[in-house]
Amino acid sequence: MITVWDLLPIGLLAALAWYWMDSLKAREAALLSARSACALRHFQLLDETVSTERTRLARNANGQVVLRRVYRFEFSDTGDNRRPGSVVMLGREVELVQLAGVLEAVK
């Protein structure tokens, strides 16, 4: 007979796999948004990557609980400097892109 305790490790592994896959998809969307924001202003996205700064629970416009992830990246506007930027993801949707103090709401 299978008990709840037998299913618990399988459930934990499934939750971990879901989180990992969801994080990969959110990271790809954040990287695409950072590339687009830099290209729009003729800036150079440095290192061609974003890194996770923070993850927490938040509610989207429909009131559903989703993960809010903040990704950091660096870009150059002159070619010889490094400036900070960030992408805020609410679930898999881009909520905000920030380039060195310039806020841009993305919908």
PDB file of N, CA and C in Angstrom:
ATOM      1  N   MET A   1       0.841  -1.184   0.000  1.00  0.00           N
ATOM      2  CA  MET A   1       0.000   0.000   0.000  1.00  0.00           C
ATOM      3  C   MET A   1       0.886   1.248   0.000  1.00  0.00           C
ATOM      4  N   ILE A   2       0.564   2.195  -0.866  1.00  0.00           N
ATOM      5  CA  ILE A   2       1.326   3.438  -0.977  1.00  0.00           C
ATOM      6  C   ILE A   2       0.750   4.454   0.001  1.00  0.00           C
ATOM      7  N   THR A   3       1.641   5.076   0.769  1.00  0.00           N
ATOM      8  CA  THR A   3       1.221   6.085   1.740  1.00  0.00           C
ATOM      9  C   THR A   3       1.647   7.473   1.258  1.00  0.00           C
ATOM     10  N   VAL A   4       1.210   8.469   1.982  1.00  0.00           N
ATOM     11  CA  VAL A   4       1.575   9.845   1.673  1.00  0.00           C
ATOM     12  C   VAL A   4       3.084  10.016   1.782  1.00  0.00           C
ATOM     13  N   TRP A   5       3.686   9.346   2.746  1.00  0.00           N
ATOM     14  CA  TRP A   5       5.131   9.456   2.947  1.00  0.00           C
ATOM     15  C   TRP A   5       5.906   8.860   1.776  1.00  0.00           C
ATOM     16  N   ASP A   6       5.324   7.912   1.086  1.00  0.00           N
ATOM     17  CA  ASP A   6       5.966   7.343  -0.097  1.00  0.00           C
ATOM     18  C   ASP A   6       5.902   8.313  -1.281  1.00  0.00           C
ATOM     19  N   LEU A   7       4.839   9.086  -1.345  1.00  0.00           N
ATOM     20  CA  LEU A   7       4.653  10.027  -2.448  1.00  0.00           C
ATOM     21  C   LEU A   7       5.353  11.368  -2.226  1.00  0.00           C
ATOM     22  N   LEU A   8       5.690  11.663  -0.983  1.00  0.00           N
ATOM     23  CA  LEU A   8       6.310  12.949  -0.662  1.00  0.00           C
ATOM     24  C   LEU A   8       7.616  13.196  -1.423  1.00  0.00           C
ATOM     25  N   PRO A   9       8.561  12.256  -1.479  1.00  0.00           N
ATOM     26  CA  PRO A   9       9.786  12.515  -2.249  1.00  0.00           C
ATOM     27  C   PRO A   9       9.524  12.750  -3.739  1.00  0.00           C
ATOM     28  N   ILE A  10       8.569  12.038  -4.299  1.00  0.00           N
ATOM     29  CA  ILE A  10       8.233  12.221  -5.709  1.00  0.00           C
ATOM     30  C   ILE A  10       7.635  13.610  -5.937  1.00  0.00           C
ATOM     31  N   GLY A  11       6.773  14.026  -5.027  1.00  0.00           N
ATOM     32  CA  GLY A  11       6.185  15.359  -5.121  1.00  0.00           C
ATOM     33  C   GLY A  11       7.221  16.458  -4.986  1.00  0.00           C
ATOM     34  N   LEU A  12       8.177  16.273  -4.084  1.00  0.00           N
ATOM     35  CA  LEU A  12       9.239  17.263  -3.916  1.00  0.00           C
ATOM     36  C   LEU A  12      10.129  17.339  -5.153  1.00  0.00           C
ATOM     37  N   LEU A  13      10.447  16.210  -5.739  1.00  0.00           N
ATOM     38  CA  LEU A  13      11.242  16.201  -6.970  1.00  0.00           C
ATOM     39  C   LEU A  13      10.491  16.855  -8.119  1.00  0.00           C
ATOM     40  N   ALA A  14       9.188  16.612  -8.208  1.00  0.00           N
ATOM     41  CA  ALA A  14       8.376  17.232  -9.260  1.00  0.00           C
ATOM     42  C   ALA A  14       8.330  18.751  -9.073  1.00  0.00           C
ATOM     43  N   ALA A  15       8.185  19.209  -7.826  1.00  0.00           N
ATOM     44  CA  ALA A  15       8.158  20.650  -7.554  1.00  0.00           C
ATOM     45  C   ALA A  15       9.504  21.289  -7.887  1.00  0.00           C
ATOM     46  N   LEU A  16      10.583  20.619  -7.560  1.00  0.00           N
ATOM     47  CA  LEU A  16      11.913  21.122  -7.875  1.00  0.00           C
ATOM     48  C   LEU A  16      12.131  21.198  -9.388  1.00  0.00           C
ATOM     49  N   ALA A  17      11.695  20.184 -10.111  1.00  0.00           N
ATOM     50  CA  ALA A  17      11.817  20.181 -11.572  1.00  0.00           C
ATOM     51  C   ALA A  17      10.994  21.307 -12.188  1.00  0.00           C
ATOM     52  N   TRP A  18       9.773  21.519 -11.677  1.00  0.00           N
ATOM     53  CA  TRP A  18       8.932  22.607 -12.174  1.00  0.00           C
ATOM     54  C   TRP A  18       9.610  23.963 -11.948  1.00  0.00           C
ATOM     55  N   TYR A  19      10.138  24.180 -10.736  1.00  0.00           N
ATOM     56  CA  TYR A  19      10.787  25.453 -10.405  1.00  0.00           C
ATOM     57  C   TYR A  19      11.987  25.692 -11.319  1.00  0.00           C
ATOM     58  N   TRP A  20      12.768  24.656 -11.561  1.00  0.00           N
ATOM     59  CA  TRP A  20      13.941  24.780 -12.397  1.00  0.00           C
ATOM     60  C   TRP A  20      13.540  25.151 -13.836  1.00  0.00           C
ATOM     61  N   MET A  21      12.566  24.454 -14.396  1.00  0.00           N
ATOM     62  CA  MET A  21      12.123  24.733 -15.764  1.00  0.00           C
ATOM     63  C   MET A  21      11.493  26.126 -15.876  1.00  0.00           C
ATOM     64  N   ASP A  22      10.689  26.491 -14.885  1.00  0.00           N
ATOM     65  CA  ASP A  22      10.062  27.812 -14.885  1.00  0.00           C
ATOM     66  C   ASP A  22      11.120  28.911 -14.788  1.00  0.00           C
ATOM     67  N   SER A  23      12.143  28.676 -13.994  1.00  0.00           N
ATOM     68  CA  SER A  23      13.229  29.651 -13.858  1.00  0.00           C
ATOM     69  C   SER A  23      13.999  29.805 -15.161  1.00  0.00           C
ATOM     70  N   LEU A  24      14.232  28.716 -15.870  1.00  0.00           N
ATOM     71  CA  LEU A  24      14.921  28.803 -17.159  1.00  0.00           C
ATOM     72  C   LEU A  24      14.123  29.619 -18.167  1.00  0.00           C
ATOM     73  N   LYS A  25      12.817  29.408 -18.215  1.00  0.00           N
ATOM     74  CA  LYS A  25      11.974  30.151 -19.160  1.00  0.00           C
ATOM     75  C   LYS A  25      11.905  31.632 -18.793  1.00  0.00           C
ATOM     76  N   ALA A  26      11.808  31.930 -17.504  1.00  0.00           N
ATOM     77  CA  ALA A  26      11.771  33.328 -17.065  1.00  0.00           C
ATOM     78  C   ALA A  26      13.103  34.015 -17.355  1.00  0.00           C
ATOM     79  N   ARG A  27      14.212  33.310 -17.139  1.00  0.00           N
ATOM     80  CA  ARG A  27      15.537  33.861 -17.407  1.00  0.00           C
ATOM     81  C   ARG A  27      15.703  34.168 -18.892  1.00  0.00           C
ATOM     82  N   GLU A  28      15.236  33.279 -19.756  1.00  0.00           N
ATOM     83  CA  GLU A  28      15.322  33.519 -21.200  1.00  0.00           C
ATOM     84  C   GLU A  28      14.521  34.753 -21.600  1.00  0.00           C
ATOM     85  N   ALA A  29      13.331  34.917 -21.022  1.00  0.00           N
ATOM     86  CA  ALA A  29      12.516  36.096 -21.322  1.00  0.00           C
ATOM     87  C   ALA A  29      13.196  37.364 -20.819  1.00  0.00           C
ATOM     88  N   ALA A  30      13.835  37.302 -19.646  1.00  0.00           N
ATOM     89  CA  ALA A  30      14.542  38.463 -19.104  1.00  0.00           C
ATOM     90  C   ALA A  30      15.736  38.819 -19.980  1.00  0.00           C
ATOM     91  N   LEU A  31      16.463  37.818 -20.446  1.00  0.00           N
ATOM     92  CA  LEU A  31      17.613  38.063 -21.318  1.00  0.00           C
ATOM     93  C   LEU A  31      17.174  38.693 -22.639  1.00  0.00           C
ATOM     94  N   LEU A  32      16.084  38.213 -23.203  1.00  0.00           N
ATOM     95  CA  LEU A  32      15.550  38.781 -24.435  1.00  0.00           C
ATOM     96  C   LEU A  32      15.133  40.242 -24.228  1.00  0.00           C
ATOM     97  N   SER A  33      14.510  40.538 -23.097  1.00  0.00           N
ATOM     98  CA  SER A  33      14.100  41.913 -22.795  1.00  0.00           C
ATOM     99  C   SER A  33      15.302  42.821 -22.602  1.00  0.00           C
ATOM    100  N   ALA A  34      16.338  42.333 -21.934  1.00  0.00           N
ATOM    101  CA  ALA A  34      17.551  43.131 -21.738  1.00  0.00           C
ATOM    102  C   ALA A  34      18.217  43.404 -23.084  1.00  0.00           C
ATOM    103  N   ARG A  35      18.294  42.392 -23.934  1.00  0.00           N
ATOM    104  CA  ARG A  35      18.873  42.585 -25.276  1.00  0.00           C
ATOM    105  C   ARG A  35      18.093  43.624 -26.069  1.00  0.00           C
ATOM    106  N   SER A  36      16.767  43.514 -26.037  1.00  0.00           N
ATOM    107  CA  SER A  36      15.914  44.438 -26.794  1.00  0.00           C
ATOM    108  C   SER A  36      16.055  45.866 -26.290  1.00  0.00           C
ATOM    109  N   ALA A  37      16.062  46.031 -24.968  1.00  0.00           N
ATOM    110  CA  ALA A  37      16.179  47.377 -24.398  1.00  0.00           C
ATOM    111  C   ALA A  37      17.526  48.001 -24.756  1.00  0.00           C
ATOM    112  N   CYS A  38      18.578  47.213 -24.720  1.00  0.00           N
ATOM    113  CA  CYS A  38      19.908  47.726 -25.092  1.00  0.00           C
ATOM    114  C   CYS A  38      19.978  48.043 -26.585  1.00  0.00           C
ATOM    115  N   ALA A  39      19.457  47.159 -27.407  1.00  0.00           N
ATOM    116  CA  ALA A  39      19.502  47.375 -28.851  1.00  0.00           C
ATOM    117  C   ALA A  39      18.694  48.609 -29.258  1.00  0.00           C
ATOM    118  N   LEU A  40      17.579  48.845 -28.595  1.00  0.00           N
ATOM    119  CA  LEU A  40      16.728  49.994 -28.896  1.00  0.00           C
ATOM    120  C   LEU A  40      17.472  51.311 -28.717  1.00  0.00           C
ATOM    121  N   ARG A  41      18.372  51.345 -27.750  1.00  0.00           N
ATOM    122  CA  ARG A  41      19.123  52.571 -27.462  1.00  0.00           C
ATOM    123  C   ARG A  41      20.555  52.532 -27.990  1.00  0.00           C
ATOM    124  N   HIS A  42      20.868  51.491 -28.765  1.00  0.00           N
ATOM    125  CA  HIS A  42      22.210  51.316 -29.320  1.00  0.00           C
ATOM    126  C   HIS A  42      23.257  51.155 -28.224  1.00  0.00           C
ATOM    127  N   PHE A  43      22.888  50.476 -27.134  1.00  0.00           N
ATOM    128  CA  PHE A  43      23.817  50.132 -26.061  1.00  0.00           C
ATOM    129  C   PHE A  43      24.296  48.709 -26.303  1.00  0.00           C
ATOM    130  N   GLN A  44      25.395  48.367 -25.655  1.00  0.00           N
ATOM    131  CA  GLN A  44      25.939  47.020 -25.776  1.00  0.00           C
ATOM    132  C   GLN A  44      25.639  46.248 -24.496  1.00  0.00           C
ATOM    133  N   LEU A  45      24.950  45.109 -24.619  1.00  0.00           N
ATOM    134  CA  LEU A  45      24.701  44.228 -23.479  1.00  0.00           C
ATOM    135  C   LEU A  45      25.990  43.465 -23.202  1.00  0.00           C
ATOM    136  N   LEU A  46      26.569  43.684 -22.040  1.00  0.00           N
ATOM    137  CA  LEU A  46      27.846  43.068 -21.708  1.00  0.00           C
ATOM    138  C   LEU A  46      27.646  41.657 -21.178  1.00  0.00           C
ATOM    139  N   ASP A  47      28.546  40.780 -21.499  1.00  0.00           N
ATOM    140  CA  ASP A  47      28.553  39.386 -21.053  1.00  0.00           C
ATOM    141  C   ASP A  47      27.393  38.560 -21.593  1.00  0.00           C
ATOM    142  N   GLU A  48      26.453  39.183 -22.316  1.00  0.00           N
ATOM    143  CA  GLU A  48      25.307  38.477 -22.902  1.00  0.00           C
ATOM    144  C   GLU A  48      24.597  37.565 -21.900  1.00  0.00           C
ATOM    145  N   THR A  49      24.414  38.062 -20.680  1.00  0.00           N
ATOM    146  CA  THR A  49      23.760  37.245 -19.662  1.00  0.00           C
ATOM    147  C   THR A  49      23.035  38.117 -18.643  1.00  0.00           C
ATOM    148  N   VAL A  50      22.115  37.509 -17.930  1.00  0.00           N
ATOM    149  CA  VAL A  50      21.452  38.119 -16.787  1.00  0.00           C
ATOM    150  C   VAL A  50      21.654  37.188 -15.600  1.00  0.00           C
ATOM    151  N   SER A  51      21.661  37.746 -14.407  1.00  0.00           N
ATOM    152  CA  SER A  51      21.807  36.915 -13.213  1.00  0.00           C
ATOM    153  C   SER A  51      20.688  37.225 -12.229  1.00  0.00           C
ATOM    154  N   THR A  52      20.240  36.202 -11.550  1.00  0.00           N
ATOM    155  CA  THR A  52      19.147  36.356 -10.589  1.00  0.00           C
ATOM    156  C   THR A  52      19.638  37.098  -9.361  1.00  0.00           C
ATOM    157  N   GLU A  53      18.924  38.153  -9.013  1.00  0.00           N
ATOM    158  CA  GLU A  53      19.255  38.888  -7.794  1.00  0.00           C
ATOM    159  C   GLU A  53      18.327  38.507  -6.655  1.00  0.00           C
ATOM    160  N   ARG A  54      17.029  38.351  -6.975  1.00  0.00           N
ATOM    161  CA  ARG A  54      16.060  38.102  -5.904  1.00  0.00           C
ATOM    162  C   ARG A  54      14.836  37.416  -6.491  1.00  0.00           C
ATOM    163  N   THR A  55      14.241  36.529  -5.712  1.00  0.00           N
ATOM    164  CA  THR A  55      13.004  35.847  -6.089  1.00  0.00           C
ATOM    165  C   THR A  55      12.072  35.861  -4.877  1.00  0.00           C
ATOM    166  N   ARG A  56      10.817  36.235  -5.107  1.00  0.00           N
ATOM    167  CA  ARG A  56       9.829  36.213  -4.021  1.00  0.00           C
ATOM    168  C   ARG A  56       8.431  36.039  -4.597  1.00  0.00           C
ATOM    169  N   LEU A  57       7.493  35.785  -3.740  1.00  0.00           N
ATOM    170  CA  LEU A  57       6.107  35.623  -4.166  1.00  0.00           C
ATOM    171  C   LEU A  57       5.445  36.986  -4.303  1.00  0.00           C
ATOM    172  N   ALA A  58       4.569  37.121  -5.297  1.00  0.00           N
ATOM    173  CA  ALA A  58       3.816  38.355  -5.517  1.00  0.00           C
ATOM    174  C   ALA A  58       2.514  37.993  -6.222  1.00  0.00           C
ATOM    175  N   ARG A  59       1.618  38.953  -6.318  1.00  0.00           N
ATOM    176  CA  ARG A  59       0.349  38.738  -7.018  1.00  0.00           C
ATOM    177  C   ARG A  59       0.373  39.482  -8.348  1.00  0.00           C
ATOM    178  N   ASN A  60      -0.158  38.828  -9.375  1.00  0.00           N
ATOM    179  CA  ASN A  60      -0.241  39.477 -10.681  1.00  0.00           C
ATOM    180  C   ASN A  60      -1.544  40.274 -10.773  1.00  0.00           C
ATOM    181  N   ALA A  61      -1.840  40.812 -11.946  1.00  0.00           N
ATOM    182  CA  ALA A  61      -3.035  41.649 -12.129  1.00  0.00           C
ATOM    183  C   ALA A  61      -4.328  40.876 -11.890  1.00  0.00           C
ATOM    184  N   ASN A  62      -4.294  39.553 -12.083  1.00  0.00           N
ATOM    185  CA  ASN A  62      -5.479  38.724 -11.856  1.00  0.00           C
ATOM    186  C   ASN A  62      -5.604  38.254 -10.416  1.00  0.00           C
ATOM    187  N   GLY A  63      -4.666  38.631  -9.562  1.00  0.00           N
ATOM    188  CA  GLY A  63      -4.700  38.233  -8.164  1.00  0.00           C
ATOM    189  C   GLY A  63      -4.075  36.870  -7.886  1.00  0.00           C
ATOM    190  N   GLN A  64      -3.496  36.254  -8.913  1.00  0.00           N
ATOM    191  CA  GLN A  64      -2.860  34.956  -8.723  1.00  0.00           C
ATOM    192  C   GLN A  64      -1.474  35.143  -8.102  1.00  0.00           C
ATOM    193  N   VAL A  65      -1.080  34.198  -7.261  1.00  0.00           N
ATOM    194  CA  VAL A  65       0.244  34.234  -6.661  1.00  0.00           C
ATOM    195  C   VAL A  65       1.235  33.659  -7.662  1.00  0.00           C
ATOM    196  N   VAL A  66       2.240  34.460  -8.001  1.00  0.00           N
ATOM    197  CA  VAL A  66       3.289  34.063  -8.943  1.00  0.00           C
ATOM    198  C   VAL A  66       4.633  34.461  -8.346  1.00  0.00           C
ATOM    199  N   LEU A  67       5.701  34.072  -9.012  1.00  0.00           N
ATOM    200  CA  LEU A  67       7.041  34.447  -8.577  1.00  0.00           C
ATOM    201  C   LEU A  67       7.459  35.753  -9.238  1.00  0.00           C
ATOM    202  N   ARG A  68       7.962  36.675  -8.432  1.00  0.00           N
ATOM    203  CA  ARG A  68       8.553  37.909  -8.959  1.00  0.00           C
ATOM    204  C   ARG A  68      10.062  37.723  -8.874  1.00  0.00           C
ATOM    205  N   ARG A  69      10.696  37.795 -10.024  1.00  0.00           N
ATOM    206  CA  ARG A  69      12.148  37.605 -10.096  1.00  0.00           C
ATOM    207  C   ARG A  69      12.788  38.892 -10.592  1.00  0.00           C
ATOM    208  N   VAL A  70      13.902  39.253  -9.974  1.00  0.00           N
ATOM    209  CA  VAL A  70      14.670  40.418 -10.408  1.00  0.00           C
ATOM    210  C   VAL A  70      15.997  39.901 -10.952  1.00  0.00           C
ATOM    211  N   TYR A  71      16.281  40.261 -12.188  1.00  0.00           N
ATOM    212  CA  TYR A  71      17.520  39.864 -12.856  1.00  0.00           C
ATOM    213  C   TYR A  71      18.376  41.102 -13.079  1.00  0.00           C
ATOM    214  N   ARG A  72      19.668  40.974 -12.851  1.00  0.00           N
ATOM    215  CA  ARG A  72      20.621  42.056 -13.073  1.00  0.00           C
ATOM    216  C   ARG A  72      21.457  41.761 -14.313  1.00  0.00           C
ATOM    217  N   PHE A  73      21.862  42.819 -14.985  1.00  0.00           N
ATOM    218  CA  PHE A  73      22.770  42.700 -16.111  1.00  0.00           C
ATOM    219  C   PHE A  73      23.591  43.987 -16.190  1.00  0.00           C
ATOM    220  N   GLU A  74      24.592  43.986 -17.029  1.00  0.00           N
ATOM    221  CA  GLU A  74      25.413  45.171 -17.237  1.00  0.00           C
ATOM    222  C   GLU A  74      25.436  45.504 -18.721  1.00  0.00           C
ATOM    223  N   PHE A  75      25.493  46.791 -18.999  1.00  0.00           N
ATOM    224  CA  PHE A  75      25.546  47.258 -20.379  1.00  0.00           C
ATOM    225  C   PHE A  75      26.524  48.414 -20.463  1.00  0.00           C
ATOM    226  N   SER A  76      26.875  48.769 -21.677  1.00  0.00           N
ATOM    227  CA  SER A  76      27.772  49.888 -21.908  1.00  0.00           C
ATOM    228  C   SER A  76      27.119  50.836 -22.893  1.00  0.00           C
ATOM    229  N   ASP A  77      27.161  52.126 -22.566  1.00  0.00           N
ATOM    230  CA  ASP A  77      26.612  53.120 -23.489  1.00  0.00           C
ATOM    231  C   ASP A  77      27.704  53.793 -24.313  1.00  0.00           C
ATOM    232  N   THR A  78      28.955  53.691 -23.872  1.00  0.00           N
ATOM    233  CA  THR A  78      30.056  54.313 -24.604  1.00  0.00           C
ATOM    234  C   THR A  78      31.046  53.286 -25.153  1.00  0.00           C
ATOM    235  N   GLY A  79      30.969  52.068 -24.680  1.00  0.00           N
ATOM    236  CA  GLY A  79      31.896  51.038 -25.120  1.00  0.00           C
ATOM    237  C   GLY A  79      33.072  50.835 -24.188  1.00  0.00           C
ATOM    238  N   ASP A  80      33.259  51.749 -23.217  1.00  0.00           N
ATOM    239  CA  ASP A  80      34.386  51.592 -22.288  1.00  0.00           C
ATOM    240  C   ASP A  80      33.954  51.727 -20.823  1.00  0.00           C
ATOM    241  N   ASN A  81      32.701  51.502 -20.553  1.00  0.00           N
ATOM    242  CA  ASN A  81      32.221  51.546 -19.169  1.00  0.00           C
ATOM    243  C   ASN A  81      31.217  50.415 -18.929  1.00  0.00           C
ATOM    244  N   ARG A  82      30.898  50.192 -17.678  1.00  0.00           N
ATOM    245  CA  ARG A  82      29.893  49.186 -17.296  1.00  0.00           C
ATOM    246  C   ARG A  82      28.825  49.890 -16.469  1.00  0.00           C
ATOM    247  N   ARG A  83      27.577  49.782 -16.921  1.00  0.00           N
ATOM    248  CA  ARG A  83      26.469  50.389 -16.191  1.00  0.00           C
ATOM    249  C   ARG A  83      25.473  49.296 -15.828  1.00  0.00           C
ATOM    250  N   PRO A  84      24.807  49.437 -14.682  1.00  0.00           N
ATOM    251  CA  PRO A  84      23.874  48.397 -14.242  1.00  0.00           C
ATOM    252  C   PRO A  84      22.495  48.536 -14.873  1.00  0.00           C
ATOM    253  N   GLY A  85      21.855  47.410 -15.038  1.00  0.00           N
ATOM    254  CA  GLY A  85      20.475  47.366 -15.504  1.00  0.00           C
ATOM    255  C   GLY A  85      19.759  46.220 -14.811  1.00  0.00           C
ATOM    256  N   SER A  86      18.447  46.215 -14.881  1.00  0.00           N
ATOM    257  CA  SER A  86      17.689  45.125 -14.267  1.00  0.00           C
ATOM    258  C   SER A  86      16.405  44.878 -15.045  1.00  0.00           C
ATOM    259  N   VAL A  87      15.929  43.650 -14.926  1.00  0.00           N
ATOM    260  CA  VAL A  87      14.651  43.243 -15.500  1.00  0.00           C
ATOM    261  C   VAL A  87      13.848  42.614 -14.375  1.00  0.00           C
ATOM    262  N   VAL A  88      12.615  43.071 -14.192  1.00  0.00           N
ATOM    263  CA  VAL A  88      11.722  42.498 -13.193  1.00  0.00           C
ATOM    264  C   VAL A  88      10.684  41.665 -13.927  1.00  0.00           C
ATOM    265  N   MET A  89      10.627  40.396 -13.572  1.00  0.00           N
ATOM    266  CA  MET A  89       9.664  39.460 -14.168  1.00  0.00           C
ATOM    267  C   MET A  89       8.590  39.148 -13.138  1.00  0.00           C
ATOM    268  N   LEU A  90       7.345  39.197 -13.549  1.00  0.00           N
ATOM    269  CA  LEU A  90       6.223  38.803 -12.707  1.00  0.00           C
ATOM    270  C   LEU A  90       5.628  37.566 -13.362  1.00  0.00           C
ATOM    271  N   GLY A  91       5.949  36.415 -12.815  1.00  0.00           N
ATOM    272  CA  GLY A  91       5.630  35.166 -13.482  1.00  0.00           C
ATOM    273  C   GLY A  91       6.558  35.045 -14.671  1.00  0.00           C
ATOM    274  N   ARG A  92       5.989  34.881 -15.853  1.00  0.00           N
ATOM    275  CA  ARG A  92       6.807  34.837 -17.072  1.00  0.00           C
ATOM    276  C   ARG A  92       6.674  36.112 -17.893  1.00  0.00           C
ATOM    277  N   GLU A  93       6.019  37.116 -17.325  1.00  0.00           N
ATOM    278  CA  GLU A  93       5.813  38.385 -18.009  1.00  0.00           C
ATOM    279  C   GLU A  93       6.818  39.418 -17.520  1.00  0.00           C
ATOM    280  N   VAL A  94       7.324  40.229 -18.437  1.00  0.00           N
ATOM    281  CA  VAL A  94       8.235  41.315 -18.079  1.00  0.00           C
ATOM    282  C   VAL A  94       7.408  42.449 -17.475  1.00  0.00           C
ATOM    283  N   GLU A  95       7.764  42.831 -16.271  1.00  0.00           N
ATOM    284  CA  GLU A  95       7.060  43.918 -15.599  1.00  0.00           C
ATOM    285  C   GLU A  95       7.788  45.248 -15.774  1.00  0.00           C
ATOM    286  N   LEU A  96       9.113  45.218 -15.738  1.00  0.00           N
ATOM    287  CA  LEU A  96       9.886  46.452 -15.771  1.00  0.00           C
ATOM    288  C   LEU A  96      11.291  46.170 -16.283  1.00  0.00           C
ATOM    289  N   VAL A  97      11.806  47.087 -17.093  1.00  0.00           N
ATOM    290  CA  VAL A  97      13.199  47.058 -17.527  1.00  0.00           C
ATOM    291  C   VAL A  97      13.813  48.379 -17.105  1.00  0.00           C
ATOM    292  N   GLN A  98      14.960  48.326 -16.417  1.00  0.00           N
ATOM    293  CA  GLN A  98      15.615  49.544 -15.943  1.00  0.00           C
ATOM    294  C   GLN A  98      17.039  49.567 -16.473  1.00  0.00           C
ATOM    295  N   LEU A  99      17.398  50.682 -17.090  1.00  0.00           N
ATOM    296  CA  LEU A  99      18.756  50.883 -17.588  1.00  0.00           C
ATOM    297  C   LEU A  99      19.344  52.093 -16.910  1.00  0.00           C
ATOM    298  N   ALA A 100      20.213  51.882 -15.937  1.00  0.00           N
ATOM    299  CA  ALA A 100      20.959  52.948 -15.251  1.00  0.00           C
ATOM    300  C   ALA A 100      20.106  54.157 -14.884  1.00  0.00           C
ATOM    301  N   GLY A 101      18.999  53.912 -14.199  1.00  0.00           N
ATOM    302  CA  GLY A 101      18.164  54.995 -13.710  1.00  0.00           C
ATOM    303  C   GLY A 101      17.009  55.393 -14.606  1.00  0.00           C
ATOM    304  N   VAL A 102      16.949  54.877 -15.823  1.00  0.00           N
ATOM    305  CA  VAL A 102      15.842  55.188 -16.720  1.00  0.00           C
ATOM    306  C   VAL A 102      14.822  54.069 -16.599  1.00  0.00           C
ATOM    307  N   LEU A 103      13.647  54.368 -16.069  1.00  0.00           N
ATOM    308  CA  LEU A 103      12.613  53.355 -15.896  1.00  0.00           C
ATOM    309  C   LEU A 103      11.755  53.266 -17.151  1.00  0.00           C
ATOM    310  N   GLU A 104      11.364  52.071 -17.460  1.00  0.00           N
ATOM    311  CA  GLU A 104      10.558  51.839 -18.648  1.00  0.00           C
ATOM    312  C   GLU A 104       9.539  50.754 -18.335  1.00  0.00           C
ATOM    313  N   ALA A 105       8.286  51.089 -18.283  1.00  0.00           N
ATOM    314  CA  ALA A 105       7.253  50.089 -18.038  1.00  0.00           C
ATOM    315  C   ALA A 105       7.017  49.305 -19.321  1.00  0.00           C
ATOM    316  N   VAL A 106       7.005  48.000 -19.214  1.00  0.00           N
ATOM    317  CA  VAL A 106       6.821  47.143 -20.372  1.00  0.00           C
ATOM    318  C   VAL A 106       5.502  46.373 -20.188  1.00  0.00           C
ATOM    319  N   LYS A 107       4.642  46.437 -21.157  1.00  0.00           N
ATOM    320  CA  LYS A 107       3.361  45.705 -21.088  1.00  0.00           C
ATOM    321  C   LYS A 107       3.179  44.918 -22.348  1.00  0.00           C
TER     322      LYS A 107
END
